[in-house]
PDB file of N, CA and C in Angstrom:
ATOM      1  N   UNK A   1      62.632 -43.577  14.923  1.00  0.00           N
ATOM      2  CA  UNK A   1      63.744 -43.799  15.284  1.00  0.00           C
ATOM      3  C   UNK A   1      64.791 -43.122  15.808  1.00  0.00           C
ATOM      4  N   UNK A   2      65.176 -43.069  16.873  1.00  0.00           N
ATOM      5  CA  UNK A   2      66.088 -42.136  17.591  1.00  0.00           C
ATOM      6  C   UNK A   2      67.300 -42.035  17.030  1.00  0.00           C
ATOM      7  N   UNK A   3      67.663 -40.858  16.976  1.00  0.00           N
ATOM      8  CA  UNK A   3      69.549 -40.630  16.271  1.00  0.00           C
ATOM      9  C   UNK A   3      70.110 -39.969  17.228  1.00  0.00           C
ATOM     10  N   UNK A   4      69.853 -40.050  18.363  1.00  0.00           N
ATOM     11  CA  UNK A   4      70.972 -39.348  19.710  1.00  0.00           C
ATOM     12  C   UNK A   4      72.078 -40.393  19.720  1.00  0.00           C
ATOM     13  N   UNK A   5      73.258 -39.810  19.720  1.00  0.00           N
ATOM     14  CA  UNK A   5      74.497 -40.024  19.952  1.00  0.00           C
ATOM     15  C   UNK A   5      74.518 -40.673  21.509  1.00  0.00           C
ATOM     16  N   UNK A   6      75.299 -41.970  21.472  1.00  0.00           N
ATOM     17  CA  UNK A   6      74.956 -42.527  22.884  1.00  0.00           C
ATOM     18  C   UNK A   6      76.522 -42.506  23.001  1.00  0.00           C
ATOM     19  N   UNK A   7      76.945 -41.935  24.306  1.00  0.00           N
ATOM     20  CA  UNK A   7      78.502 -41.911  24.948  1.00  0.00           C
ATOM     21  C   UNK A   7      78.769 -43.431  25.137  1.00  0.00           C
ATOM     22  N   UNK A   8      80.272 -43.895  24.892  1.00  0.00           N
ATOM     23  CA  UNK A   8      80.530 -44.691  25.211  1.00  0.00           C
ATOM     24  C   UNK A   8      80.769 -45.285  27.133  1.00  0.00           C
ATOM     25  N   UNK A   9      80.695 -46.548  26.807  1.00  0.00           N
ATOM     26  CA  UNK A   9      80.465 -46.603  28.303  1.00  0.00           C
ATOM     27  C   UNK A   9      81.603 -46.751  28.792  1.00  0.00           C
ATOM     28  N   UNK A  10      82.049 -45.699  30.003  1.00  0.00           N
ATOM     29  CA  UNK A  10      83.740 -45.922  30.760  1.00  0.00           C
ATOM     30  C   UNK A  10      83.484 -47.342  31.631  1.00  0.00           C
ATOM     31  N   UNK A  11      84.657 -47.863  31.234  1.00  0.00           N
ATOM     32  CA  UNK A  11      84.814 -49.332  32.324  1.00  0.00           C
ATOM     33  C   UNK A  11      85.711 -48.864  33.580  1.00  0.00           C
ATOM     34  N   UNK A  12      85.291 -49.661  34.561  1.00  0.00           N
ATOM     35  CA  UNK A  12      86.161 -49.178  35.713  1.00  0.00           C
ATOM     36  C   UNK A  12      87.560 -49.542  35.577  1.00  0.00           C
ATOM     37  N   UNK A  13      88.335 -49.974  34.652  1.00  0.00           N
ATOM     38  CA  UNK A  13      89.641 -49.766  34.529  1.00  0.00           C
ATOM     39  C   UNK A  13      90.236 -48.311  34.205  1.00  0.00           C
ATOM     40  N   UNK A  14      89.440 -47.694  33.185  1.00  0.00           N
ATOM     41  CA  UNK A  14      89.458 -46.686  33.185  1.00  0.00           C
ATOM     42  C   UNK A  14      89.322 -45.474  33.910  1.00  0.00           C
ATOM     43  N   UNK A  15      88.602 -45.947  34.949  1.00  0.00           N
ATOM     44  CA  UNK A  15      88.218 -44.820  35.685  1.00  0.00           C
ATOM     45  C   UNK A  15      89.310 -45.359  37.037  1.00  0.00           C
ATOM     46  N   UNK A  16      90.017 -46.338  37.360  1.00  0.00           N
ATOM     47  CA  UNK A  16      90.925 -46.627  38.427  1.00  0.00           C
ATOM     48  C   UNK A  16      92.360 -45.902  37.685  1.00  0.00           C
ATOM     49  N   UNK A  17      92.276 -46.051  36.215  1.00  0.00           N
ATOM     50  CA  UNK A  17      93.613 -45.434  35.929  1.00  0.00           C
ATOM     51  C   UNK A  17      93.613 -44.292  36.032  1.00  0.00           C
ATOM     52  N   UNK A  18      92.739 -43.364  35.623  1.00  0.00           N
ATOM     53  CA  UNK A  18      92.169 -42.231  35.978  1.00  0.00           C
ATOM     54  C   UNK A  18      92.553 -41.708  37.363  1.00  0.00           C
ATOM     55  N   UNK A  19      91.996 -42.357  38.390  1.00  0.00           N
ATOM     56  CA  UNK A  19      91.922 -42.180  39.665  1.00  0.00           C
ATOM     57  C   UNK A  19      93.609 -42.382  40.065  1.00  0.00           C
ATOM     58  N   UNK A  20      94.260 -43.539  39.686  1.00  0.00           N
ATOM     59  CA  UNK A  20      95.667 -43.327  39.920  1.00  0.00           C
ATOM     60  C   UNK A  20      96.581 -42.429  39.449  1.00  0.00           C
ATOM     61  N   UNK A  21      96.321 -41.906  38.353  1.00  0.00           N
ATOM     62  CA  UNK A  21      96.909 -40.975  37.640  1.00  0.00           C
ATOM     63  C   UNK A  21      96.909 -39.413  38.687  1.00  0.00           C
ATOM     64  N   UNK A  22      95.711 -39.272  39.026  1.00  0.00           N
ATOM     65  CA  UNK A  22      95.287 -38.299  39.916  1.00  0.00           C
ATOM     66  C   UNK A  22      95.947 -38.386  41.030  1.00  0.00           C
ATOM     67  N   UNK A  23      96.244 -39.578  41.892  1.00  0.00           N
ATOM     68  CA  UNK A  23      97.091 -39.978  43.133  1.00  0.00           C
ATOM     69  C   UNK A  23      98.341 -39.626  42.956  1.00  0.00           C
ATOM     70  N   UNK A  24      99.072 -39.964  41.801  1.00  0.00           N
ATOM     71  CA  UNK A  24     100.262 -40.200  41.583  1.00  0.00           C
ATOM     72  C   UNK A  24     100.719 -38.526  41.680  1.00  0.00           C
ATOM     73  N   UNK A  25      99.793 -37.767  40.456  1.00  0.00           N
ATOM     74  CA  UNK A  25     100.277 -36.362  40.322  1.00  0.00           C
ATOM     75  C   UNK A  25      99.814 -35.626  41.733  1.00  0.00           C
ATOM     76  N   UNK A  26      98.844 -36.010  42.299  1.00  0.00           N
ATOM     77  CA  UNK A  26      98.821 -35.177  43.845  1.00  0.00           C
ATOM     78  C   UNK A  26     100.125 -35.545  44.590  1.00  0.00           C
ATOM     79  N   UNK A  27     100.360 -36.711  44.830  1.00  0.00           N
ATOM     80  CA  UNK A  27     101.594 -37.045  45.745  1.00  0.00           C
ATOM     81  C   UNK A  27     103.163 -36.426  45.311  1.00  0.00           C
ATOM     82  N   UNK A  28     103.031 -36.346  43.791  1.00  0.00           N
ATOM     83  CA  UNK A  28     104.229 -35.676  43.340  1.00  0.00           C
ATOM     84  C   UNK A  28     104.580 -34.301  43.677  1.00  0.00           C
ATOM     85  N   UNK A  29     103.082 -33.816  43.425  1.00  0.00           N
ATOM     86  CA  UNK A  29     102.976 -32.245  43.735  1.00  0.00           C
ATOM     87  C   UNK A  29     103.296 -32.016  45.347  1.00  0.00           C
ATOM     88  N   UNK A  30     102.565 -32.731  46.231  1.00  0.00           N
ATOM     89  CA  UNK A  30     103.172 -32.348  47.831  1.00  0.00           C
ATOM     90  C   UNK A  30     104.720 -32.773  47.692  1.00  0.00           C
ATOM     91  N   UNK A  31     105.141 -33.728  47.246  1.00  0.00           N
ATOM     92  CA  UNK A  31     106.327 -33.900  47.593  1.00  0.00           C
ATOM     93  C   UNK A  31     107.617 -32.631  46.977  1.00  0.00           C
ATOM     94  N   UNK A  32     106.963 -32.146  45.806  1.00  0.00           N
ATOM     95  CA  UNK A  32     107.689 -31.480  45.384  1.00  0.00           C
ATOM     96  C   UNK A  32     107.511 -29.775  46.149  1.00  0.00           C
ATOM     97  N   UNK A  33     106.735 -29.497  46.606  1.00  0.00           N
ATOM     98  CA  UNK A  33     106.293 -28.399  47.403  1.00  0.00           C
ATOM     99  C   UNK A  33     107.136 -28.878  48.897  1.00  0.00           C
ATOM    100  N   UNK A  34     107.197 -29.626  49.409  1.00  0.00           N
ATOM    101  CA  UNK A  34     107.804 -30.182  50.685  1.00  0.00           C
ATOM    102  C   UNK A  34     109.179 -29.905  50.686  1.00  0.00           C
ATOM    103  N   UNK A  35     109.711 -30.396  49.330  1.00  0.00           N
ATOM    104  CA  UNK A  35     111.177 -30.327  49.039  1.00  0.00           C
ATOM    105  C   UNK A  35     111.648 -28.855  48.896  1.00  0.00           C
ATOM    106  N   UNK A  36     110.760 -28.356  48.350  1.00  0.00           N
ATOM    107  CA  UNK A  36     110.618 -26.542  47.935  1.00  0.00           C
ATOM    108  C   UNK A  36     110.825 -25.728  49.383  1.00  0.00           C
ATOM    109  N   UNK A  37     109.756 -25.893  50.459  1.00  0.00           N
ATOM    110  CA  UNK A  37     109.743 -25.474  51.515  1.00  0.00           C
ATOM    111  C   UNK A  37     111.037 -25.722  52.333  1.00  0.00           C
ATOM    112  N   UNK A  38     111.202 -27.099  52.474  1.00  0.00           N
ATOM    113  CA  UNK A  38     112.704 -27.475  53.334  1.00  0.00           C
ATOM    114  C   UNK A  38     113.812 -26.553  52.949  1.00  0.00           C
ATOM    115  N   UNK A  39     113.880 -26.669  51.516  1.00  0.00           N
ATOM    116  CA  UNK A  39     115.186 -25.827  50.578  1.00  0.00           C
ATOM    117  C   UNK A  39     114.926 -24.405  51.088  1.00  0.00           C
ATOM    118  N   UNK A  40     114.096 -23.902  51.220  1.00  0.00           N
ATOM    119  CA  UNK A  40     113.451 -22.224  51.444  1.00  0.00           C
ATOM    120  C   UNK A  40     114.288 -22.168  52.967  1.00  0.00           C
ATOM    121  N   UNK A  41     113.578 -23.160  53.849  1.00  0.00           N
ATOM    122  CA  UNK A  41     113.604 -22.954  55.178  1.00  0.00           C
ATOM    123  C   UNK A  41     115.425 -23.074  55.233  1.00  0.00           C
ATOM    124  N   UNK A  42     115.911 -24.004  54.987  1.00  0.00           N
ATOM    125  CA  UNK A  42     117.343 -23.981  55.226  1.00  0.00           C
ATOM    126  C   UNK A  42     118.164 -23.007  54.616  1.00  0.00           C
ATOM    127  N   UNK A  43     118.038 -22.410  53.122  1.00  0.00           N
ATOM    128  CA  UNK A  43     118.337 -21.570  52.761  1.00  0.00           C
ATOM    129  C   UNK A  43     118.301 -20.119  54.023  1.00  0.00           C
ATOM    130  N   UNK A  44     117.252 -19.978  54.484  1.00  0.00           N
ATOM    131  CA  UNK A  44     116.904 -18.892  55.032  1.00  0.00           C
ATOM    132  C   UNK A  44     117.844 -18.746  56.889  1.00  0.00           C
ATOM    133  N   UNK A  45     118.705 -20.033  57.061  1.00  0.00           N
ATOM    134  CA  UNK A  45     119.155 -19.821  58.379  1.00  0.00           C
ATOM    135  C   UNK A  45     120.161 -19.068  58.170  1.00  0.00           C
TER     136      UNK A  45
END
């Protein structure tokens, strides 16, 4: 018999949660950068 470890099957739910987390992180980062650039631009006037 083979004794190789079998990786647990990833469920679609877990993949969807990770995708949603990446989307939220990306949106928050983009928003933070946009606000930072707006602040820098307004201070440069």
